[in-house]
Amino acid sequence: MRKLWLFLSTIFSGNTTHSDVNGERFASLPFSYSQFDLALAWELKQAGMETVVEGVGKNLRYAFMEGIEIWIAAVDAAGETRARNVCFVIPRQVRQDGTFPFSVKLAVPVEPGMQLKFTYKYNGSDGGDGGVNWMQSFDWTVP
């Protein structure tokens, strides 16, 4: 009985360490972008004839962000959009300094020199203000 009590007290006490897996992953990803409101870090994974952009985002500005969407389009050297997709971020609400994973699957293999056009959208609020709908975009060249 004593061993069971020690085991349960260890599990349920505040003394166990919990790591922020998304925060640790954010710091280790090879590509990144940061603006006043949101930071993104990502990596590219080739899966046959598809590319997956997998990453982590971080709320830098608002008390909370809701309804976050990450859109990514792959554009070739001729300026043609070859693929486009979106990730609707779960959890629905991300607090300030909170991180979240995202994953966007593009139906083409991306190649060096192609552009990825990122667009993110969300509703940001500092509480009680009704929030602001915001959209930002940036281009990134595949190395």
C-alpha atoms as a PDB file:
ATOM      1  CA  MET A   1       0.000   0.000   0.000  1.00  0.00           C
ATOM      2  CA  ARG A   2       2.846   2.377   0.843  1.00  0.00           C
ATOM      3  CA  LYS A   3       4.441   1.796  -2.593  1.00  0.00           C
ATOM      4  CA  LEU A   4       1.134   2.566  -4.278  1.00  0.00           C
ATOM      5  CA  TRP A   5       0.806   5.805  -2.285  1.00  0.00           C
ATOM      6  CA  LEU A   6       4.367   6.861  -3.244  1.00  0.00           C
ATOM      7  CA  PHE A   7       3.718   6.039  -6.885  1.00  0.00           C
ATOM      8  CA  LEU A   8       0.446   8.004  -6.996  1.00  0.00           C
ATOM      9  CA  SER A   9       1.885  10.977  -5.101  1.00  0.00           C
ATOM     10  CA  THR A  10       4.759  11.156  -7.594  1.00  0.00           C
ATOM     11  CA  ILE A  11       2.390  11.101 -10.565  1.00  0.00           C
ATOM     12  CA  PHE A  12      -0.074  13.650  -9.214  1.00  0.00           C
ATOM     13  CA  SER A  13       2.321  16.007  -7.474  1.00  0.00           C
ATOM     14  CA  GLY A  14       3.481  19.188  -9.136  1.00  0.00           C
ATOM     15  CA  ASN A  15       7.068  17.953  -8.931  1.00  0.00           C
ATOM     16  CA  THR A  16       7.084  16.139 -12.231  1.00  0.00           C
ATOM     17  CA  THR A  17       8.570  18.043 -15.147  1.00  0.00           C
ATOM     18  CA  HIS A  18       6.508  18.693 -18.247  1.00  0.00           C
ATOM     19  CA  SER A  19       8.227  19.822 -21.393  1.00  0.00           C
ATOM     20  CA  ASP A  20       6.689  22.067 -24.009  1.00  0.00           C
ATOM     21  CA  VAL A  21       7.096  19.718 -26.969  1.00  0.00           C
ATOM     22  CA  ASN A  22       5.896  22.304 -29.505  1.00  0.00           C
ATOM     23  CA  GLY A  23       8.185  24.976 -28.039  1.00  0.00           C
ATOM     24  CA  GLU A  24      11.197  22.675 -28.190  1.00  0.00           C
ATOM     25  CA  ARG A  25      10.319  21.649 -31.734  1.00  0.00           C
ATOM     26  CA  PHE A  26       9.831  25.304 -32.735  1.00  0.00           C
ATOM     27  CA  ALA A  27      13.428  26.062 -31.753  1.00  0.00           C
ATOM     28  CA  SER A  28      14.824  23.109 -33.702  1.00  0.00           C
ATOM     29  CA  LEU A  29      13.088  23.493 -37.083  1.00  0.00           C
ATOM     30  CA  PRO A  30      15.286  24.633 -39.996  1.00  0.00           C
ATOM     31  CA  PHE A  31      13.118  27.382 -41.549  1.00  0.00           C
ATOM     32  CA  SER A  32      11.333  30.271 -39.861  1.00  0.00           C
ATOM     33  CA  TYR A  33       9.474  33.559 -40.226  1.00  0.00           C
ATOM     34  CA  SER A  34       8.511  36.070 -37.571  1.00  0.00           C
ATOM     35  CA  GLN A  35       6.296  39.141 -37.545  1.00  0.00           C
ATOM     36  CA  PHE A  36       4.924  41.277 -34.686  1.00  0.00           C
ATOM     37  CA  ASP A  37       2.036  38.893 -34.063  1.00  0.00           C
ATOM     38  CA  LEU A  38       3.034  35.376 -35.031  1.00  0.00           C
ATOM     39  CA  ALA A  39       6.170  33.325 -35.562  1.00  0.00           C
ATOM     40  CA  LEU A  40       6.275  30.185 -37.705  1.00  0.00           C
ATOM     41  CA  ALA A  41       8.971  27.527 -37.998  1.00  0.00           C
ATOM     42  CA  TRP A  42       8.773  24.580 -40.384  1.00  0.00           C
ATOM     43  CA  GLU A  43      10.420  21.783 -42.298  1.00  0.00           C
ATOM     44  CA  LEU A  44       9.658  20.167 -45.647  1.00  0.00           C
ATOM     45  CA  LYS A  45       9.016  16.456 -45.994  1.00  0.00           C
ATOM     46  CA  GLN A  46       8.778  14.780 -49.374  1.00  0.00           C
ATOM     47  CA  ALA A  47       6.228  11.967 -49.569  1.00  0.00           C
ATOM     48  CA  GLY A  48       6.294  10.516 -53.077  1.00  0.00           C
ATOM     49  CA  MET A  49       4.745  13.104 -55.384  1.00  0.00           C
ATOM     50  CA  GLU A  50       3.619  15.273 -52.459  1.00  0.00           C
ATOM     51  CA  THR A  51       5.259  17.689 -50.058  1.00  0.00           C
ATOM     52  CA  VAL A  52       4.259  18.173 -46.451  1.00  0.00           C
ATOM     53  CA  VAL A  53       5.065  21.464 -44.739  1.00  0.00           C
ATOM     54  CA  GLU A  54       5.137  20.583 -41.060  1.00  0.00           C
ATOM     55  CA  GLY A  55       5.776  23.114 -38.367  1.00  0.00           C
ATOM     56  CA  VAL A  56       4.958  25.022 -35.233  1.00  0.00           C
ATOM     57  CA  GLY A  57       3.469  28.477 -34.767  1.00  0.00           C
ATOM     58  CA  LYS A  58       3.688  30.816 -31.782  1.00  0.00           C
ATOM     59  CA  ASN A  59       1.288  33.594 -30.731  1.00  0.00           C
ATOM     60  CA  LEU A  60       3.516  36.605 -30.031  1.00  0.00           C
ATOM     61  CA  ARG A  61       0.987  39.420 -29.696  1.00  0.00           C
ATOM     62  CA  TYR A  62      -2.538  38.743 -28.452  1.00  0.00           C
ATOM     63  CA  ALA A  63      -3.933  37.485 -25.136  1.00  0.00           C
ATOM     64  CA  PHE A  64      -5.451  34.816 -27.357  1.00  0.00           C
ATOM     65  CA  MET A  65      -5.844  33.936 -31.026  1.00  0.00           C
ATOM     66  CA  GLU A  66      -8.785  31.971 -32.376  1.00  0.00           C
ATOM     67  CA  GLY A  67      -9.665  30.417 -35.710  1.00  0.00           C
ATOM     68  CA  ILE A  68      -6.076  30.253 -36.938  1.00  0.00           C
ATOM     69  CA  GLU A  69      -5.673  29.175 -40.564  1.00  0.00           C
ATOM     70  CA  ILE A  70      -2.334  28.550 -42.311  1.00  0.00           C
ATOM     71  CA  TRP A  71      -2.608  28.573 -46.137  1.00  0.00           C
ATOM     72  CA  ILE A  72       0.340  27.574 -48.318  1.00  0.00           C
ATOM     73  CA  ALA A  73       0.595  27.722 -52.127  1.00  0.00           C
ATOM     74  CA  ALA A  74       3.452  26.247 -54.165  1.00  0.00           C
ATOM     75  CA  VAL A  75       4.373  28.484 -57.128  1.00  0.00           C
ATOM     76  CA  ASP A  76       6.774  27.390 -59.874  1.00  0.00           C
ATOM     77  CA  ALA A  77       9.425  29.494 -61.641  1.00  0.00           C
ATOM     78  CA  ALA A  78       6.891  30.520 -64.319  1.00  0.00           C
ATOM     79  CA  GLY A  79       4.628  32.010 -61.639  1.00  0.00           C
ATOM     80  CA  GLU A  80       1.991  29.271 -61.863  1.00  0.00           C
ATOM     81  CA  THR A  81       0.344  28.039 -58.694  1.00  0.00           C
ATOM     82  CA  ARG A  82       0.940  24.282 -58.712  1.00  0.00           C
ATOM     83  CA  ALA A  83      -0.772  23.376 -55.432  1.00  0.00           C
ATOM     84  CA  ARG A  84      -2.530  25.045 -52.518  1.00  0.00           C
ATOM     85  CA  ASN A  85      -3.875  23.776 -49.226  1.00  0.00           C
ATOM     86  CA  VAL A  86      -4.784  24.884 -45.707  1.00  0.00           C
ATOM     87  CA  CYS A  87      -4.445  23.789 -42.095  1.00  0.00           C
ATOM     88  CA  PHE A  88      -7.188  24.786 -39.658  1.00  0.00           C
ATOM     89  CA  VAL A  89      -5.318  24.904 -36.358  1.00  0.00           C
ATOM     90  CA  ILE A  90      -6.498  22.867 -33.410  1.00  0.00           C
ATOM     91  CA  PRO A  91      -6.725  23.869 -30.554  1.00  0.00           C
ATOM     92  CA  ARG A  92      -9.195  26.525 -31.529  1.00  0.00           C
ATOM     93  CA  GLN A  93      -7.754  29.086 -29.061  1.00  0.00           C
ATOM     94  CA  VAL A  94      -4.042  29.774 -28.501  1.00  0.00           C
ATOM     95  CA  ARG A  95      -2.949  32.003 -25.613  1.00  0.00           C
ATOM     96  CA  GLN A  96      -0.118  34.552 -25.853  1.00  0.00           C
ATOM     97  CA  ASP A  97       3.297  32.828 -26.026  1.00  0.00           C
ATOM     98  CA  GLY A  98       1.452  29.569 -26.704  1.00  0.00           C
ATOM     99  CA  THR A  99       2.586  27.270 -29.500  1.00  0.00           C
ATOM    100  CA  PHE A 100       0.650  25.032 -31.857  1.00  0.00           C
ATOM    101  CA  PRO A 101       1.520  22.467 -34.530  1.00  0.00           C
ATOM    102  CA  PHE A 102       0.463  22.778 -38.155  1.00  0.00           C
ATOM    103  CA  SER A 103       0.748  20.561 -41.212  1.00  0.00           C
ATOM    104  CA  VAL A 104      -0.090  21.406 -44.831  1.00  0.00           C
ATOM    105  CA  LYS A 105       0.045  18.768 -47.563  1.00  0.00           C
ATOM    106  CA  LEU A 106       0.792  20.024 -51.082  1.00  0.00           C
ATOM    107  CA  ALA A 107      -0.048  17.748 -54.009  1.00  0.00           C
ATOM    108  CA  VAL A 108       3.287  18.391 -55.771  1.00  0.00           C
ATOM    109  CA  PRO A 109       6.926  17.795 -54.940  1.00  0.00           C
ATOM    110  CA  VAL A 110       8.531  21.167 -54.252  1.00  0.00           C
ATOM    111  CA  GLU A 111      11.905  21.850 -55.822  1.00  0.00           C
ATOM    112  CA  PRO A 112      14.670  24.346 -55.091  1.00  0.00           C
ATOM    113  CA  GLY A 113      13.794  27.778 -56.435  1.00  0.00           C
ATOM    114  CA  MET A 114      10.032  27.333 -56.103  1.00  0.00           C
ATOM    115  CA  GLN A 115       8.140  29.858 -53.981  1.00  0.00           C
ATOM    116  CA  LEU A 116       5.931  28.897 -51.091  1.00  0.00           C
ATOM    117  CA  LYS A 117       3.368  31.604 -50.440  1.00  0.00           C
ATOM    118  CA  PHE A 118       2.236  31.503 -46.820  1.00  0.00           C
ATOM    119  CA  THR A 119      -0.939  33.243 -45.685  1.00  0.00           C
ATOM    120  CA  TYR A 120      -2.150  33.120 -42.113  1.00  0.00           C
ATOM    121  CA  LYS A 121      -5.481  34.323 -40.754  1.00  0.00           C
ATOM    122  CA  TYR A 122      -6.870  34.556 -37.237  1.00  0.00           C
ATOM    123  CA  ASN A 123      -8.983  36.544 -34.814  1.00  0.00           C
ATOM    124  CA  GLY A 124      -6.777  38.097 -32.117  1.00  0.00           C
ATOM    125  CA  SER A 125      -8.063  39.552 -28.879  1.00  0.00           C
ATOM    126  CA  ASP A 126      -6.741  41.051 -25.667  1.00  0.00           C
ATOM    127  CA  GLY A 127     -10.028  40.161 -23.962  1.00  0.00           C
ATOM    128  CA  GLY A 128     -13.351  41.974 -24.009  1.00  0.00           C
ATOM    129  CA  ASP A 129     -12.547  43.955 -27.145  1.00  0.00           C
ATOM    130  CA  GLY A 130     -14.334  41.753 -29.694  1.00  0.00           C
ATOM    131  CA  GLY A 131     -11.013  41.015 -31.321  1.00  0.00           C
ATOM    132  CA  VAL A 132      -9.562  41.852 -34.681  1.00  0.00           C
ATOM    133  CA  ASN A 133      -9.614  39.684 -37.794  1.00  0.00           C
ATOM    134  CA  TRP A 134      -6.125  39.684 -39.261  1.00  0.00           C
ATOM    135  CA  MET A 135      -4.472  38.249 -42.335  1.00  0.00           C
ATOM    136  CA  GLN A 136      -0.786  38.379 -43.250  1.00  0.00           C
ATOM    137  CA  SER A 137       1.217  36.759 -46.030  1.00  0.00           C
ATOM    138  CA  PHE A 138       4.826  36.244 -47.017  1.00  0.00           C
ATOM    139  CA  ASP A 139       6.799  34.413 -49.713  1.00  0.00           C
ATOM    140  CA  TRP A 140       9.612  31.970 -49.060  1.00  0.00           C
ATOM    141  CA  THR A 141      11.980  30.477 -51.657  1.00  0.00           C
ATOM    142  CA  VAL A 142      12.706  26.775 -51.342  1.00  0.00           C
ATOM    143  CA  PRO A 143      16.489  26.373 -50.943  1.00  0.00           C
END
